[in-house]
C-alpha atoms as a PDB file:
ATOM      1  CA  MET A   1      99.102 128.288 143.854  1.00  0.00           C
ATOM      2  CA  THR A   2      99.193 125.023 145.769  1.00  0.00           C
ATOM      3  CA  PRO A   3      96.865 124.841 148.767  1.00  0.00           C
ATOM      4  CA  SER A   4      97.884 122.757 151.740  1.00  0.00           C
ATOM      5  CA  PRO A   5      96.335 119.280 151.656  1.00  0.00           C
ATOM      6  CA  GLU A   6      94.311 119.671 154.839  1.00  0.00           C
ATOM      7  CA  PRO A   7      93.884 123.020 156.595  1.00  0.00           C
ATOM      8  CA  ALA A   8      94.319 123.124 160.366  1.00  0.00           C
ATOM      9  CA  ALA A   9      91.163 125.239 160.683  1.00  0.00           C
ATOM     10  CA  ALA A  10      87.953 125.729 158.730  1.00  0.00           C
ATOM     11  CA  ILE A  11      87.886 129.078 156.929  1.00  0.00           C
ATOM     12  CA  ARG A  12      84.636 130.644 155.747  1.00  0.00           C
ATOM     13  CA  THR A  13      84.295 133.818 153.727  1.00  0.00           C
ATOM     14  CA  THR A  14      81.312 135.849 154.874  1.00  0.00           C
ATOM     15  CA  ARG A  15      81.786 138.877 152.601  1.00  0.00           C
ATOM     16  CA  GLU A  16      83.812 139.710 149.490  1.00  0.00           C
ATOM     17  CA  THR A  17      84.120 143.299 148.287  1.00  0.00           C
ATOM     18  CA  GLU A  18      85.924 144.242 145.080  1.00  0.00           C
ATOM     19  CA  GLN A  19      87.713 147.574 145.284  1.00  0.00           C
ATOM     20  CA  ALA A  20      89.845 149.671 142.932  1.00  0.00           C
ATOM     21  CA  ASP A  21      93.069 148.193 144.363  1.00  0.00           C
ATOM     22  CA  GLY A  22      91.970 144.567 144.891  1.00  0.00           C
ATOM     23  CA  TRP A  23      89.531 142.765 147.183  1.00  0.00           C
ATOM     24  CA  THR A  24      88.600 142.780 150.848  1.00  0.00           C
ATOM     25  CA  PHE A  25      87.339 139.600 152.470  1.00  0.00           C
ATOM     26  CA  GLU A  26      85.677 139.169 155.834  1.00  0.00           C
ATOM     27  CA  MET A  27      86.491 135.660 156.999  1.00  0.00           C
ATOM     28  CA  VAL A  28      85.751 133.477 159.992  1.00  0.00           C
ATOM     29  CA  ILE A  29      88.434 130.995 161.012  1.00  0.00           C
ATOM     30  CA  ASP A  30      87.041 128.125 163.103  1.00  0.00           C
ATOM     31  CA  PHE A  31      89.866 126.504 165.052  1.00  0.00           C
ATOM     32  CA  ASP A  32      87.499 124.187 166.957  1.00  0.00           C
ATOM     33  CA  PRO A  33      83.820 124.337 168.042  1.00  0.00           C
ATOM     34  CA  ASP A  34      84.618 126.717 170.917  1.00  0.00           C
ATOM     35  CA  HIS A  35      87.277 128.913 169.296  1.00  0.00           C
ATOM     36  CA  SER A  36      86.847 131.087 166.200  1.00  0.00           C
ATOM     37  CA  ARG A  37      88.232 134.375 164.996  1.00  0.00           C
ATOM     38  CA  THR A  38      86.874 136.910 162.508  1.00  0.00           C
ATOM     39  CA  ILE A  39      89.429 138.631 160.293  1.00  0.00           C
ATOM     40  CA  THR A  40      89.471 141.132 157.450  1.00  0.00           C
ATOM     41  CA  LEU A  41      91.950 140.266 154.712  1.00  0.00           C
ATOM     42  CA  HIS A  42      92.873 142.670 151.913  1.00  0.00           C
ATOM     43  CA  LEU A  43      94.182 141.071 148.731  1.00  0.00           C
ATOM     44  CA  ALA A  44      95.771 143.668 146.450  1.00  0.00           C
ATOM     45  CA  TRP A  45      96.075 143.100 142.711  1.00  0.00           C
ATOM     46  CA  ALA A  46      99.842 142.621 143.115  1.00  0.00           C
ATOM     47  CA  ASP A  47      99.274 139.972 145.809  1.00  0.00           C
ATOM     48  CA  TYR A  48      96.756 138.150 143.635  1.00  0.00           C
ATOM     49  CA  ASN A  49      99.170 138.174 140.685  1.00  0.00           C
ATOM     50  CA  LEU A  50     101.899 136.724 142.911  1.00  0.00           C
ATOM     51  CA  TRP A  51      99.732 133.838 144.125  1.00  0.00           C
ATOM     52  CA  SER A  52      97.939 133.244 140.814  1.00  0.00           C
ATOM     53  CA  PRO A  53     100.227 134.397 137.989  1.00  0.00           C
ATOM     54  CA  THR A  54      97.944 132.941 135.306  1.00  0.00           C
ATOM     55  CA  GLY A  55      94.841 134.524 136.840  1.00  0.00           C
ATOM     56  CA  GLN A  56      92.974 131.210 136.819  1.00  0.00           C
ATOM     57  CA  ALA A  57      92.364 130.948 140.596  1.00  0.00           C
ATOM     58  CA  ARG A  58      89.329 132.698 142.026  1.00  0.00           C
ATOM     59  CA  PRO A  59      90.303 135.579 144.322  1.00  0.00           C
ATOM     60  CA  VAL A  60      88.352 134.022 147.211  1.00  0.00           C
ATOM     61  CA  ASP A  61      90.366 130.800 146.824  1.00  0.00           C
ATOM     62  CA  VAL A  62      93.642 132.726 146.957  1.00  0.00           C
ATOM     63  CA  ALA A  63      92.442 134.601 150.052  1.00  0.00           C
ATOM     64  CA  THR A  64      91.465 131.327 151.738  1.00  0.00           C
ATOM     65  CA  VAL A  65      94.918 129.848 151.145  1.00  0.00           C
ATOM     66  CA  VAL A  66      96.610 132.996 152.451  1.00  0.00           C
ATOM     67  CA  ALA A  67      94.389 133.074 155.559  1.00  0.00           C
ATOM     68  CA  GLY A  68      95.318 129.456 156.255  1.00  0.00           C
ATOM     69  CA  LEU A  69      99.049 130.130 156.394  1.00  0.00           C
END
């Protein structure tokens, strides 16, 4: 997993929930001081294994990179 050098928006995770099939993250993406969006991102085990084949990256870090794409 190689994150982009500088994200175009600030991404904050407000909640992380582990489930039987992966994780669910509630995230706020701040595009600028007057424009933000709240999203729910589900990261399945298969998705996590694709982005972090060695399992060394924290799931929240993988979700942050994916949300920034």
